[in-house]
C-alpha atoms as a PDB file:
ATOM      1  CA  MET A   1    -112.985  69.233 170.843  1.00  0.00           C
ATOM      2  CA  PHE A   2    -110.537  66.433 170.160  1.00  0.00           C
ATOM      3  CA  PRO A   3    -106.801  67.122 170.262  1.00  0.00           C
ATOM      4  CA  LEU A   4    -104.847  66.424 167.084  1.00  0.00           C
ATOM      5  CA  GLN A   5    -103.148  63.061 167.290  1.00  0.00           C
ATOM      6  CA  LEU A   6     -99.854  64.113 165.763  1.00  0.00           C
ATOM      7  CA  THR A   7     -96.700  62.086 166.111  1.00  0.00           C
ATOM      8  CA  PRO A   8     -93.431  62.221 164.182  1.00  0.00           C
ATOM      9  CA  GLN A   9     -94.423  58.948 162.531  1.00  0.00           C
ATOM     10  CA  SER A  10     -97.891  60.154 161.477  1.00  0.00           C
ATOM     11  CA  ILE A  11     -96.499  63.399 160.107  1.00  0.00           C
ATOM     12  CA  ALA A  12     -93.844  61.552 158.128  1.00  0.00           C
ATOM     13  CA  GLN A  13     -96.448  59.129 156.763  1.00  0.00           C
ATOM     14  CA  GLU A  14     -98.752  61.989 155.723  1.00  0.00           C
ATOM     15  CA  LEU A  15     -95.914  63.725 153.895  1.00  0.00           C
ATOM     16  CA  ALA A  16     -94.939  60.485 152.178  1.00  0.00           C
ATOM     17  CA  ASP A  17     -98.555  59.884 151.055  1.00  0.00           C
ATOM     18  CA  PHE A  18     -98.827  63.470 149.842  1.00  0.00           C
ATOM     19  CA  ASN A  19     -95.648  63.192 147.769  1.00  0.00           C
ATOM     20  CA  LYS A  20     -96.761  59.854 146.332  1.00  0.00           C
ATOM     21  CA  ASN A  21    -100.151  61.253 145.298  1.00  0.00           C
ATOM     22  CA  LEU A  22     -98.470  64.329 143.842  1.00  0.00           C
ATOM     23  CA  ALA A  23     -96.043  62.255 141.764  1.00  0.00           C
ATOM     24  CA  GLU A  24     -98.796  60.018 140.420  1.00  0.00           C
ATOM     25  CA  GLY A  25    -100.994  63.029 139.787  1.00  0.00           C
ATOM     26  CA  TYR A  26     -98.352  64.803 137.719  1.00  0.00           C
ATOM     27  CA  LYS A  27     -98.323  61.801 135.378  1.00  0.00           C
ATOM     28  CA  ASN A  28    -102.088  62.039 134.879  1.00  0.00           C
ATOM     29  CA  LEU A  29    -101.853  65.789 134.426  1.00  0.00           C
ATOM     30  CA  ALA A  30     -99.247  65.397 131.679  1.00  0.00           C
ATOM     31  CA  GLU A  31    -101.480  62.926 129.847  1.00  0.00           C
ATOM     32  CA  LEU A  32    -104.683  64.988 129.898  1.00  0.00           C
ATOM     33  CA  GLY A  33    -104.182  66.735 126.571  1.00  0.00           C
ATOM     34  CA  PRO A  34    -106.378  69.669 125.452  1.00  0.00           C
ATOM     35  CA  ILE A  35    -109.231  70.546 127.806  1.00  0.00           C
ATOM     36  CA  GLU A  36    -112.499  70.620 125.898  1.00  0.00           C
ATOM     37  CA  VAL A  37    -115.432  72.807 126.979  1.00  0.00           C
ATOM     38  CA  GLY A  38    -118.819  73.617 125.484  1.00  0.00           C
ATOM     39  CA  THR A  39    -120.176  70.216 124.479  1.00  0.00           C
ATOM     40  CA  SER A  40    -123.626  71.041 123.083  1.00  0.00           C
ATOM     41  CA  ASP A  41    -123.987  71.357 119.307  1.00  0.00           C
ATOM     42  CA  LYS A  42    -124.635  74.878 118.071  1.00  0.00           C
ATOM     43  CA  GLU A  43    -124.399  77.048 114.962  1.00  0.00           C
ATOM     44  CA  VAL A  44    -123.628  80.695 114.316  1.00  0.00           C
ATOM     45  CA  VAL A  45    -126.783  82.523 113.226  1.00  0.00           C
ATOM     46  CA  TYR A  46    -125.662  86.142 113.524  1.00  0.00           C
ATOM     47  CA  ARG A  47    -122.363  87.924 113.911  1.00  0.00           C
ATOM     48  CA  GLU A  48    -121.452  91.552 114.537  1.00  0.00           C
ATOM     49  CA  ASP A  49    -118.003  92.875 115.436  1.00  0.00           C
ATOM     50  CA  LYS A  50    -116.641  90.553 118.162  1.00  0.00           C
ATOM     51  CA  MET A  51    -120.124  89.360 119.161  1.00  0.00           C
ATOM     52  CA  VAL A  52    -121.483  86.019 117.944  1.00  0.00           C
ATOM     53  CA  LEU A  53    -125.060  84.804 118.352  1.00  0.00           C
ATOM     54  CA  TYR A  54    -125.378  81.010 118.596  1.00  0.00           C
ATOM     55  CA  ARG A  55    -128.402  78.784 118.298  1.00  0.00           C
ATOM     56  CA  PHE A  56    -128.112  75.410 120.007  1.00  0.00           C
ATOM     57  CA  THR A  57    -129.439  72.339 118.254  1.00  0.00           C
ATOM     58  CA  PRO A  58    -132.861  71.490 119.743  1.00  0.00           C
ATOM     59  CA  GLN A  59    -133.042  68.134 121.505  1.00  0.00           C
ATOM     60  CA  VAL A  60    -136.767  67.526 120.928  1.00  0.00           C
ATOM     61  CA  LYS A  61    -138.828  67.361 117.725  1.00  0.00           C
ATOM     62  CA  LYS A  62    -141.045  70.293 118.659  1.00  0.00           C
ATOM     63  CA  PRO A  63    -139.181  72.735 120.894  1.00  0.00           C
ATOM     64  CA  HIS A  64    -140.993  75.402 122.866  1.00  0.00           C
ATOM     65  CA  ALA A  65    -142.635  77.896 120.526  1.00  0.00           C
ATOM     66  CA  VAL A  66    -140.966  80.908 122.126  1.00  0.00           C
ATOM     67  CA  PRO A  67    -137.153  80.765 121.950  1.00  0.00           C
ATOM     68  CA  MET A  68    -134.886  81.818 124.799  1.00  0.00           C
ATOM     69  CA  LEU A  69    -131.890  84.133 124.511  1.00  0.00           C
ATOM     70  CA  ILE A  70    -129.184  83.792 127.168  1.00  0.00           C
ATOM     71  CA  VAL A  71    -127.278  86.993 127.942  1.00  0.00           C
ATOM     72  CA  TYR A  72    -124.102  86.262 129.905  1.00  0.00           C
ATOM     73  CA  ALA A  73    -121.707  88.621 131.676  1.00  0.00           C
ATOM     74  CA  LEU A  74    -118.857  90.410 129.923  1.00  0.00           C
ATOM     75  CA  VAL A  75    -116.279  89.481 132.544  1.00  0.00           C
ATOM     76  CA  ASN A  76    -116.158  85.725 131.917  1.00  0.00           C
ATOM     77  CA  ARG A  77    -116.744  83.324 129.063  1.00  0.00           C
ATOM     78  CA  PRO A  78    -120.299  81.997 128.579  1.00  0.00           C
ATOM     79  CA  TYR A  79    -119.271  78.346 128.208  1.00  0.00           C
ATOM     80  CA  MET A  80    -119.706  78.070 131.974  1.00  0.00           C
ATOM     81  CA  THR A  81    -123.359  77.420 131.080  1.00  0.00           C
ATOM     82  CA  ASP A  82    -122.275  74.444 128.915  1.00  0.00           C
ATOM     83  CA  LEU A  83    -119.075  73.348 130.612  1.00  0.00           C
ATOM     84  CA  GLN A  84    -119.332  69.610 129.986  1.00  0.00           C
ATOM     85  CA  GLU A  85    -121.967  67.051 129.118  1.00  0.00           C
ATOM     86  CA  ASP A  86    -123.062  66.313 132.676  1.00  0.00           C
ATOM     87  CA  ARG A  87    -122.580  69.893 133.919  1.00  0.00           C
ATOM     88  CA  SER A  88    -124.539  72.014 131.495  1.00  0.00           C
ATOM     89  CA  THR A  89    -127.400  74.403 132.173  1.00  0.00           C
ATOM     90  CA  ILE A  90    -127.905  74.690 128.427  1.00  0.00           C
ATOM     91  CA  ARG A  91    -128.094  70.945 127.873  1.00  0.00           C
ATOM     92  CA  GLY A  92    -130.647  70.743 130.667  1.00  0.00           C
ATOM     93  CA  LEU A  93    -132.776  73.440 129.038  1.00  0.00           C
ATOM     94  CA  LEU A  94    -132.530  71.728 125.653  1.00  0.00           C
ATOM     95  CA  GLU A  95    -133.603  68.398 127.139  1.00  0.00           C
ATOM     96  CA  GLU A  96    -136.583  70.185 128.681  1.00  0.00           C
ATOM     97  CA  GLY A  97    -137.660  71.263 125.211  1.00  0.00           C
ATOM     98  CA  MET A  98    -136.348  74.816 125.132  1.00  0.00           C
ATOM     99  CA  ASP A  99    -135.084  76.496 121.945  1.00  0.00           C
ATOM    100  CA  VAL A 100    -131.896  78.168 123.182  1.00  0.00           C
ATOM    101  CA  TYR A 101    -129.810  81.022 121.793  1.00  0.00           C
ATOM    102  CA  LEU A 102    -126.685  82.485 123.406  1.00  0.00           C
ATOM    103  CA  ILE A 103    -124.713  85.697 122.965  1.00  0.00           C
ATOM    104  CA  ASP A 104    -120.933  85.235 123.029  1.00  0.00           C
ATOM    105  CA  TRP A 105    -119.310  88.643 123.542  1.00  0.00           C
ATOM    106  CA  GLY A 106    -115.905  87.483 122.341  1.00  0.00           C
ATOM    107  CA  TYR A 107    -112.615  89.131 123.301  1.00  0.00           C
ATOM    108  CA  PRO A 108    -112.565  92.945 123.072  1.00  0.00           C
ATOM    109  CA  ASP A 109    -109.353  94.528 121.849  1.00  0.00           C
ATOM    110  CA  ALA A 110    -108.077  98.074 121.361  1.00  0.00           C
ATOM    111  CA  ALA A 111    -110.611  98.702 118.599  1.00  0.00           C
ATOM    112  CA  ASP A 112    -113.387  98.292 121.189  1.00  0.00           C
ATOM    113  CA  ARG A 113    -111.952 100.764 123.702  1.00  0.00           C
ATOM    114  CA  TYR A 114    -114.840 103.216 123.301  1.00  0.00           C
ATOM    115  CA  LEU A 115    -117.736 100.760 123.241  1.00  0.00           C
ATOM    116  CA  GLY A 116    -120.264 101.840 125.859  1.00  0.00           C
ATOM    117  CA  LEU A 117    -123.227 100.204 127.557  1.00  0.00           C
ATOM    118  CA  GLU A 118    -125.441 101.615 124.815  1.00  0.00           C
ATOM    119  CA  ASP A 119    -123.508  99.541 122.267  1.00  0.00           C
ATOM    120  CA  TYR A 120    -124.058  96.370 124.288  1.00  0.00           C
ATOM    121  CA  VAL A 121    -127.675  96.820 125.444  1.00  0.00           C
ATOM    122  CA  ASP A 122    -129.229  99.051 122.791  1.00  0.00           C
ATOM    123  CA  GLY A 123    -127.005  97.619 120.078  1.00  0.00           C
ATOM    124  CA  TYR A 124    -125.862  94.011 120.256  1.00  0.00           C
ATOM    125  CA  ILE A 125    -128.662  92.690 122.491  1.00  0.00           C
ATOM    126  CA  LYS A 126    -131.370  94.578 120.629  1.00  0.00           C
ATOM    127  CA  ARG A 127    -130.203  93.407 117.219  1.00  0.00           C
ATOM    128  CA  SER A 128    -129.817  89.822 118.458  1.00  0.00           C
ATOM    129  CA  VAL A 129    -133.376  89.876 119.797  1.00  0.00           C
ATOM    130  CA  ASN A 130    -134.618  91.343 116.514  1.00  0.00           C
ATOM    131  CA  HIS A 131    -132.812  88.614 114.566  1.00  0.00           C
ATOM    132  CA  ILE A 132    -134.428  85.861 116.647  1.00  0.00           C
ATOM    133  CA  CYS A 133    -137.858  87.485 116.385  1.00  0.00           C
ATOM    134  CA  ARG A 134    -137.580  87.649 112.608  1.00  0.00           C
ATOM    135  CA  SER A 135    -136.374  84.052 112.397  1.00  0.00           C
ATOM    136  CA  HIS A 136    -139.377  82.785 114.364  1.00  0.00           C
ATOM    137  CA  ASP A 137    -141.934  85.348 113.139  1.00  0.00           C
ATOM    138  CA  LEU A 138    -142.508  86.592 116.697  1.00  0.00           C
ATOM    139  CA  ASP A 139    -142.822  89.980 118.335  1.00  0.00           C
ATOM    140  CA  ALA A 140    -141.200  88.920 121.618  1.00  0.00           C
ATOM    141  CA  ILE A 141    -138.933  86.187 123.000  1.00  0.00           C
ATOM    142  CA  ASN A 142    -137.895  84.859 126.407  1.00  0.00           C
ATOM    143  CA  LEU A 143    -134.785  86.395 127.937  1.00  0.00           C
ATOM    144  CA  LEU A 144    -132.435  84.740 130.451  1.00  0.00           C
ATOM    145  CA  GLY A 145    -129.882  87.132 131.941  1.00  0.00           C
ATOM    146  CA  ILE A 146    -127.009  85.787 134.037  1.00  0.00           C
ATOM    147  CA  CYS A 147    -125.024  87.875 136.557  1.00  0.00           C
ATOM    148  CA  GLN A 148    -123.905  91.092 134.832  1.00  0.00           C
ATOM    149  CA  GLY A 149    -125.856  89.878 131.814  1.00  0.00           C
ATOM    150  CA  GLY A 150    -128.907  89.894 134.057  1.00  0.00           C
ATOM    151  CA  ALA A 151    -128.391  93.588 134.778  1.00  0.00           C
ATOM    152  CA  PHE A 152    -128.128  94.172 131.020  1.00  0.00           C
ATOM    153  CA  SER A 153    -131.322  92.143 130.515  1.00  0.00           C
ATOM    154  CA  LEU A 154    -133.172  94.238 133.088  1.00  0.00           C
ATOM    155  CA  CYS A 155    -132.121  97.374 131.243  1.00  0.00           C
ATOM    156  CA  PHE A 156    -133.209  95.929 127.913  1.00  0.00           C
ATOM    157  CA  ALA A 157    -136.552  94.712 129.275  1.00  0.00           C
ATOM    158  CA  ALA A 158    -137.192  98.127 130.801  1.00  0.00           C
ATOM    159  CA  LEU A 159    -136.406  99.909 127.529  1.00  0.00           C
ATOM    160  CA  TYR A 160    -138.167  97.414 125.244  1.00  0.00           C
ATOM    161  CA  PRO A 161    -140.801  95.544 127.285  1.00  0.00           C
ATOM    162  CA  GLU A 162    -142.729  94.718 124.115  1.00  0.00           C
ATOM    163  CA  LYS A 163    -139.815  92.537 122.929  1.00  0.00           C
ATOM    164  CA  VAL A 164    -139.597  90.347 126.069  1.00  0.00           C
ATOM    165  CA  LYS A 165    -142.343  87.804 126.694  1.00  0.00           C
ATOM    166  CA  ASN A 166    -140.878  86.373 129.909  1.00  0.00           C
ATOM    167  CA  LEU A 167    -137.775  87.454 131.826  1.00  0.00           C
ATOM    168  CA  VAL A 168    -135.544  85.096 133.818  1.00  0.00           C
ATOM    169  CA  THR A 169    -132.724  86.542 135.906  1.00  0.00           C
ATOM    170  CA  MET A 170    -130.070  84.331 137.469  1.00  0.00           C
ATOM    171  CA  VAL A 171    -127.619  85.482 140.191  1.00  0.00           C
ATOM    172  CA  THR A 172    -128.328  89.013 138.991  1.00  0.00           C
ATOM    173  CA  PRO A 173    -127.267  92.061 141.017  1.00  0.00           C
ATOM    174  CA  VAL A 174    -129.947  94.747 141.325  1.00  0.00           C
ATOM    175  CA  ASP A 175    -129.015  96.535 144.531  1.00  0.00           C
ATOM    176  CA  PHE A 176    -125.277  97.064 144.101  1.00  0.00           C
ATOM    177  CA  GLN A 177    -124.764  98.534 147.577  1.00  0.00           C
ATOM    178  CA  THR A 178    -125.959  95.919 150.061  1.00  0.00           C
ATOM    179  CA  PRO A 179    -123.826  95.901 153.244  1.00  0.00           C
ATOM    180  CA  ASP A 180    -122.676  92.299 152.716  1.00  0.00           C
ATOM    181  CA  ASN A 181    -121.295  92.927 149.205  1.00  0.00           C
ATOM    182  CA  MET A 182    -117.493  93.045 149.475  1.00  0.00           C
ATOM    183  CA  LEU A 183    -117.046  93.602 145.751  1.00  0.00           C
ATOM    184  CA  SER A 184    -119.301  96.637 146.001  1.00  0.00           C
ATOM    185  CA  LEU A 185    -117.266  98.098 148.853  1.00  0.00           C
ATOM    186  CA  TRP A 186    -114.175  97.932 146.660  1.00  0.00           C
ATOM    187  CA  ALA A 187    -115.837  99.214 143.471  1.00  0.00           C
ATOM    188  CA  ARG A 188    -117.515 102.162 145.163  1.00  0.00           C
ATOM    189  CA  HIS A 189    -114.128 103.606 146.110  1.00  0.00           C
ATOM    190  CA  LEU A 190    -112.459 102.881 142.773  1.00  0.00           C
ATOM    191  CA  ASP A 191    -111.161 105.833 140.750  1.00  0.00           C
ATOM    192  CA  VAL A 192    -112.466 104.283 137.563  1.00  0.00           C
ATOM    193  CA  ASP A 193    -111.665 107.361 135.472  1.00  0.00           C
ATOM    194  CA  LEU A 194    -107.995 107.109 136.381  1.00  0.00           C
ATOM    195  CA  LEU A 195    -108.011 103.351 135.716  1.00  0.00           C
ATOM    196  CA  VAL A 196    -109.581 103.601 132.261  1.00  0.00           C
ATOM    197  CA  GLU A 197    -107.642 106.666 131.171  1.00  0.00           C
ATOM    198  CA  THR A 198    -104.425 104.927 132.191  1.00  0.00           C
ATOM    199  CA  MET A 199    -105.067 101.441 130.833  1.00  0.00           C
ATOM    200  CA  GLY A 200    -107.674 101.862 128.116  1.00  0.00           C
ATOM    201  CA  ASN A 201    -109.321  98.465 128.136  1.00  0.00           C
ATOM    202  CA  VAL A 202    -109.300  96.862 131.574  1.00  0.00           C
ATOM    203  CA  PRO A 203    -107.218  93.646 131.568  1.00  0.00           C
ATOM    204  CA  GLY A 204    -109.130  90.473 132.311  1.00  0.00           C
ATOM    205  CA  GLU A 205    -106.245  89.293 134.498  1.00  0.00           C
ATOM    206  CA  LEU A 206    -106.744  92.303 136.770  1.00  0.00           C
ATOM    207  CA  LEU A 207    -110.424  91.568 137.256  1.00  0.00           C
ATOM    208  CA  ASN A 208    -109.741  87.876 137.744  1.00  0.00           C
ATOM    209  CA  PHE A 209    -107.221  88.664 140.485  1.00  0.00           C
ATOM    210  CA  THR A 210    -109.834  90.886 142.117  1.00  0.00           C
ATOM    211  CA  PHE A 211    -112.401  88.070 142.204  1.00  0.00           C
ATOM    212  CA  LEU A 212    -109.873  85.571 143.562  1.00  0.00           C
ATOM    213  CA  SER A 213    -108.845  88.052 146.263  1.00  0.00           C
ATOM    214  CA  MET A 214    -112.335  87.969 147.723  1.00  0.00           C
ATOM    215  CA  LYS A 215    -111.678  84.444 149.042  1.00  0.00           C
ATOM    216  CA  PRO A 216    -107.883  84.207 148.897  1.00  0.00           C
ATOM    217  CA  PHE A 217    -107.370  81.125 151.053  1.00  0.00           C
ATOM    218  CA  SER A 218    -109.911  78.852 149.395  1.00  0.00           C
ATOM    219  CA  LEU A 219    -109.468  80.139 145.824  1.00  0.00           C
ATOM    220  CA  THR A 220    -105.703  80.560 145.592  1.00  0.00           C
ATOM    221  CA  GLY A 221    -104.302  78.048 148.046  1.00  0.00           C
ATOM    222  CA  GLN A 222    -106.559  75.429 149.574  1.00  0.00           C
ATOM    223  CA  LYS A 223    -108.060  74.185 146.323  1.00  0.00           C
ATOM    224  CA  TYR A 224    -104.605  73.296 144.972  1.00  0.00           C
ATOM    225  CA  LEU A 225    -103.770  71.351 148.104  1.00  0.00           C
ATOM    226  CA  ASP A 226    -107.099  69.552 147.778  1.00  0.00           C
ATOM    227  CA  LEU A 227    -106.284  68.858 144.127  1.00  0.00           C
ATOM    228  CA  VAL A 228    -103.548  66.430 145.163  1.00  0.00           C
ATOM    229  CA  GLU A 229    -106.227  64.162 146.641  1.00  0.00           C
ATOM    230  CA  ILE A 230    -108.082  63.814 143.317  1.00  0.00           C
ATOM    231  CA  MET A 231    -105.239  63.816 140.802  1.00  0.00           C
ATOM    232  CA  GLN A 232    -105.231  60.013 140.676  1.00  0.00           C
ATOM    233  CA  ASP A 233    -108.749  60.111 139.235  1.00  0.00           C
ATOM    234  CA  LYS A 234    -108.483  61.311 135.628  1.00  0.00           C
ATOM    235  CA  THR A 235    -112.185  62.176 135.412  1.00  0.00           C
ATOM    236  CA  LYS A 236    -112.089  64.363 138.515  1.00  0.00           C
ATOM    237  CA  LEU A 237    -108.810  65.895 137.405  1.00  0.00           C
ATOM    238  CA  CYS A 238    -110.281  66.766 134.008  1.00  0.00           C
ATOM    239  CA  ASN A 239    -113.322  68.338 135.695  1.00  0.00           C
ATOM    240  CA  PHE A 240    -111.008  70.437 137.844  1.00  0.00           C
ATOM    241  CA  MET A 241    -109.007  71.599 134.837  1.00  0.00           C
ATOM    242  CA  ARG A 242    -112.154  72.612 132.965  1.00  0.00           C
ATOM    243  CA  MET A 243    -113.045  74.890 135.842  1.00  0.00           C
ATOM    244  CA  GLU A 244    -109.503  76.272 135.915  1.00  0.00           C
ATOM    245  CA  LYS A 245    -109.646  76.970 132.197  1.00  0.00           C
ATOM    246  CA  TRP A 246    -112.861  78.956 132.628  1.00  0.00           C
ATOM    247  CA  ILE A 247    -111.616  80.860 135.685  1.00  0.00           C
ATOM    248  CA  PHE A 248    -108.487  82.102 133.926  1.00  0.00           C
ATOM    249  CA  ASP A 249    -110.132  82.648 130.526  1.00  0.00           C
ATOM    250  CA  SER A 250    -110.984  86.264 131.325  1.00  0.00           C
ATOM    251  CA  PRO A 251    -111.576  88.677 128.419  1.00  0.00           C
ATOM    252  CA  ASP A 252    -110.418  92.263 128.670  1.00  0.00           C
ATOM    253  CA  GLN A 253    -113.183  94.794 129.267  1.00  0.00           C
ATOM    254  CA  ALA A 254    -113.968  97.597 126.836  1.00  0.00           C
ATOM    255  CA  GLY A 255    -112.781 100.646 128.754  1.00  0.00           C
ATOM    256  CA  GLU A 256    -115.777 102.927 128.302  1.00  0.00           C
ATOM    257  CA  ALA A 257    -118.334 100.221 129.082  1.00  0.00           C
ATOM    258  CA  PHE A 258    -116.397  99.282 132.228  1.00  0.00           C
ATOM    259  CA  ARG A 259    -116.288 102.920 133.330  1.00  0.00           C
ATOM    260  CA  GLN A 260    -120.019 103.349 132.799  1.00  0.00           C
ATOM    261  CA  PHE A 261    -120.900 100.083 134.532  1.00  0.00           C
ATOM    262  CA  ILE A 262    -118.879 100.872 137.664  1.00  0.00           C
ATOM    263  CA  LYS A 263    -120.274 104.389 137.916  1.00  0.00           C
ATOM    264  CA  MET A 264    -123.892 103.700 137.008  1.00  0.00           C
ATOM    265  CA  PHE A 265    -124.383 100.499 138.948  1.00  0.00           C
ATOM    266  CA  TYR A 266    -121.844 100.223 141.773  1.00  0.00           C
ATOM    267  CA  GLN A 267    -121.232 103.879 142.602  1.00  0.00           C
ATOM    268  CA  GLU A 268    -124.667 105.368 141.822  1.00  0.00           C
ATOM    269  CA  ASN A 269    -126.757 102.215 142.419  1.00  0.00           C
ATOM    270  CA  GLY A 270    -128.740 103.287 139.382  1.00  0.00           C
ATOM    271  CA  LEU A 271    -131.275 100.459 139.224  1.00  0.00           C
ATOM    272  CA  VAL A 272    -132.417 101.035 142.808  1.00  0.00           C
ATOM    273  CA  ASN A 273    -132.230 104.822 142.727  1.00  0.00           C
ATOM    274  CA  GLY A 274    -133.805 105.141 139.299  1.00  0.00           C
ATOM    275  CA  THR A 275    -130.878 107.042 137.804  1.00  0.00           C
ATOM    276  CA  ALA A 276    -129.653 104.437 135.311  1.00  0.00           C
ATOM    277  CA  GLN A 277    -129.606 105.498 131.669  1.00  0.00           C
ATOM    278  CA  ILE A 278    -128.651 103.671 128.475  1.00  0.00           C
ATOM    279  CA  GLY A 279    -127.824 105.930 125.568  1.00  0.00           C
ATOM    280  CA  GLY A 280    -129.588 108.850 127.241  1.00  0.00           C
ATOM    281  CA  LYS A 281    -132.789 106.841 127.820  1.00  0.00           C
ATOM    282  CA  GLU A 282    -133.987 106.307 131.400  1.00  0.00           C
ATOM    283  CA  VAL A 283    -134.081 102.734 132.637  1.00  0.00           C
ATOM    284  CA  LYS A 284    -137.345 102.473 134.574  1.00  0.00           C
ATOM    285  CA  LEU A 285    -137.754  99.069 136.181  1.00  0.00           C
ATOM    286  CA  GLU A 286    -141.468  99.720 136.664  1.00  0.00           C
ATOM    287  CA  ASN A 287    -141.759  99.306 132.880  1.00  0.00           C
ATOM    288  CA  ILE A 288    -140.924  95.620 133.344  1.00  0.00           C
ATOM    289  CA  THR A 289    -144.436  94.223 133.442  1.00  0.00           C
ATOM    290  CA  MET A 290    -143.843  90.814 131.875  1.00  0.00           C
ATOM    291  CA  PRO A 291    -143.602  87.675 134.100  1.00  0.00           C
ATOM    292  CA  ILE A 292    -140.297  87.442 135.994  1.00  0.00           C
ATOM    293  CA  LEU A 293    -138.457  84.450 137.451  1.00  0.00           C
ATOM    294  CA  ASN A 294    -135.631  85.628 139.694  1.00  0.00           C
ATOM    295  CA  ILE A 295    -133.135  82.892 140.647  1.00  0.00           C
ATOM    296  CA  TYR A 296    -130.502  83.610 143.289  1.00  0.00           C
ATOM    297  CA  ALA A 297    -127.899  81.514 145.113  1.00  0.00           C
ATOM    298  CA  THR A 298    -128.184  81.482 148.889  1.00  0.00           C
ATOM    299  CA  LEU A 299    -124.392  81.183 149.373  1.00  0.00           C
ATOM    300  CA  ASP A 300    -123.360  83.655 146.670  1.00  0.00           C
ATOM    301  CA  HIS A 301    -120.380  85.803 147.714  1.00  0.00           C
ATOM    302  CA  LEU A 302    -120.373  87.859 144.494  1.00  0.00           C
ATOM    303  CA  VAL A 303    -124.104  88.626 144.316  1.00  0.00           C
ATOM    304  CA  PRO A 304    -125.557  88.271 147.830  1.00  0.00           C
ATOM    305  CA  PRO A 305    -129.221  87.183 147.931  1.00  0.00           C
ATOM    306  CA  ALA A 306    -130.349  90.592 149.192  1.00  0.00           C
ATOM    307  CA  ALA A 307    -128.808  92.194 146.105  1.00  0.00           C
ATOM    308  CA  SER A 308    -131.138  90.139 143.881  1.00  0.00           C
ATOM    309  CA  LYS A 309    -134.302  89.855 145.978  1.00  0.00           C
ATOM    310  CA  VAL A 310    -134.827  93.611 146.017  1.00  0.00           C
ATOM    311  CA  LEU A 311    -136.002  93.297 142.402  1.00  0.00           C
ATOM    312  CA  LYS A 312    -139.499  92.307 143.539  1.00  0.00           C
ATOM    313  CA  GLY A 313    -140.269  95.769 144.874  1.00  0.00           C
ATOM    314  CA  LEU A 314    -138.883  97.661 141.887  1.00  0.00           C
ATOM    315  CA  VAL A 315    -140.578  96.111 138.851  1.00  0.00           C
ATOM    316  CA  GLY A 316    -144.090  96.611 137.573  1.00  0.00           C
ATOM    317  CA  SER A 317    -144.830  92.921 137.054  1.00  0.00           C
ATOM    318  CA  THR A 318    -147.635  91.256 138.992  1.00  0.00           C
ATOM    319  CA  ASP A 319    -146.293  87.820 138.026  1.00  0.00           C
ATOM    320  CA  TYR A 320    -143.062  87.598 139.994  1.00  0.00           C
ATOM    321  CA  THR A 321    -141.468  84.356 141.210  1.00  0.00           C
ATOM    322  CA  GLU A 322    -138.312  83.820 143.264  1.00  0.00           C
ATOM    323  CA  LEU A 323    -136.296  80.623 143.205  1.00  0.00           C
ATOM    324  CA  PRO A 324    -133.564  80.272 145.850  1.00  0.00           C
ATOM    325  CA  PHE A 325    -130.792  77.820 145.008  1.00  0.00           C
ATOM    326  CA  LYS A 326    -128.836  76.295 147.858  1.00  0.00           C
ATOM    327  CA  GLY A 327    -125.325  76.910 146.589  1.00  0.00           C
ATOM    328  CA  GLY A 328    -122.857  79.505 145.385  1.00  0.00           C
ATOM    329  CA  HIS A 329    -122.317  81.736 142.383  1.00  0.00           C
ATOM    330  CA  ILE A 330    -120.567  78.998 140.380  1.00  0.00           C
ATOM    331  CA  GLY A 331    -122.358  75.991 141.806  1.00  0.00           C
ATOM    332  CA  ILE A 332    -125.633  77.223 140.351  1.00  0.00           C
ATOM    333  CA  TYR A 333    -124.293  76.266 136.896  1.00  0.00           C
ATOM    334  CA  VAL A 334    -122.213  73.150 137.471  1.00  0.00           C
ATOM    335  CA  SER A 335    -123.177  71.333 140.660  1.00  0.00           C
ATOM    336  CA  GLY A 336    -125.164  68.115 140.590  1.00  0.00           C
ATOM    337  CA  ARG A 337    -127.967  69.825 142.482  1.00  0.00           C
ATOM    338  CA  ALA A 338    -128.081  72.567 139.860  1.00  0.00           C
ATOM    339  CA  GLN A 339    -128.478  70.056 137.014  1.00  0.00           C
ATOM    340  CA  ARG A 340    -131.454  68.493 138.810  1.00  0.00           C
ATOM    341  CA  GLU A 341    -133.156  71.700 139.896  1.00  0.00           C
ATOM    342  CA  VAL A 342    -132.395  74.770 137.806  1.00  0.00           C
ATOM    343  CA  PRO A 343    -133.104  73.873 134.126  1.00  0.00           C
ATOM    344  CA  PRO A 344    -136.349  71.987 134.923  1.00  0.00           C
ATOM    345  CA  SER A 345    -137.549  74.862 137.116  1.00  0.00           C
ATOM    346  CA  ILE A 346    -136.886  77.428 134.385  1.00  0.00           C
ATOM    347  CA  ALA A 347    -138.520  75.270 131.710  1.00  0.00           C
ATOM    348  CA  ASN A 348    -141.614  74.477 133.779  1.00  0.00           C
ATOM    349  CA  TRP A 349    -142.038  78.128 134.706  1.00  0.00           C
ATOM    350  CA  LEU A 350    -141.838  79.180 131.049  1.00  0.00           C
ATOM    351  CA  LYS A 351    -144.127  76.417 129.811  1.00  0.00           C
ATOM    352  CA  ALA A 352    -146.785  77.550 132.283  1.00  0.00           C
ATOM    353  CA  ARG A 353    -146.722  80.980 130.618  1.00  0.00           C
END
């Protein structure tokens, strides 16, 4: 170990440099203007309540014959998959020849207080899939479920296996009670009935604070100190602000759906124990017999690898592939490595089937 070479002069110089960078950075910050996200062209093809189904403009003359529907989580906005031109899972899939659709859940309000998981899985997802099937004259499509949306996709594929040709899950929790899952340890002891009966819909700000609290030093302090070092670069500063916009753009959660999700998945571990039900219908993972590509992040603190990898032993598919990504829960969408590895891997896997 090397001792810190600190002197009064070096400390004073470091403080002076920090203040100079901060002052220059504030000027750049003031000049940024509106932060734009979601760069890929798309059109609305179906709408129901708050939910909107988008189709992205294909980037090749003859896109893949079987379209893909992306099902994102409820707890954050789906533009993380299309954050900016050079950090876009969706753009990568389009360039690989995929025909991509995306469900945007919107922002639930008091009118949605009693929406349950049945409304999301057996309602919105099912009708979106049916719309795409009709539009392409197909019986089944490809499904890509991300995080909580992956859990929803597993439920849908188990209930309607005939409607899913291939299933891709990305950073998807399956075993919600692995020992290394801090979020699970909190959720399993949550009095969710008291929370929902008191608040109705669960505020997005409350959930966002919960996620930030899992890594309080790096997510609420250190990153803002590090920001001072990049504020002189307008491109890097704009990239940082896009991420900040997404992090704090947290929709409220429909109270009943939140209650059911916490109980069924975190507290009962329903996918592993076989007790999960959607609208009174049993979710049997052994019914998932279509090909599966399960992508997990090796450094994921929200969905530890073990929470995803358990899927292999629970499904009925004989065509199961795992793809580990060296990165974290967010890096799998926006890092340079992700742009090079994830969309091509998904596309090549689908094209082979």
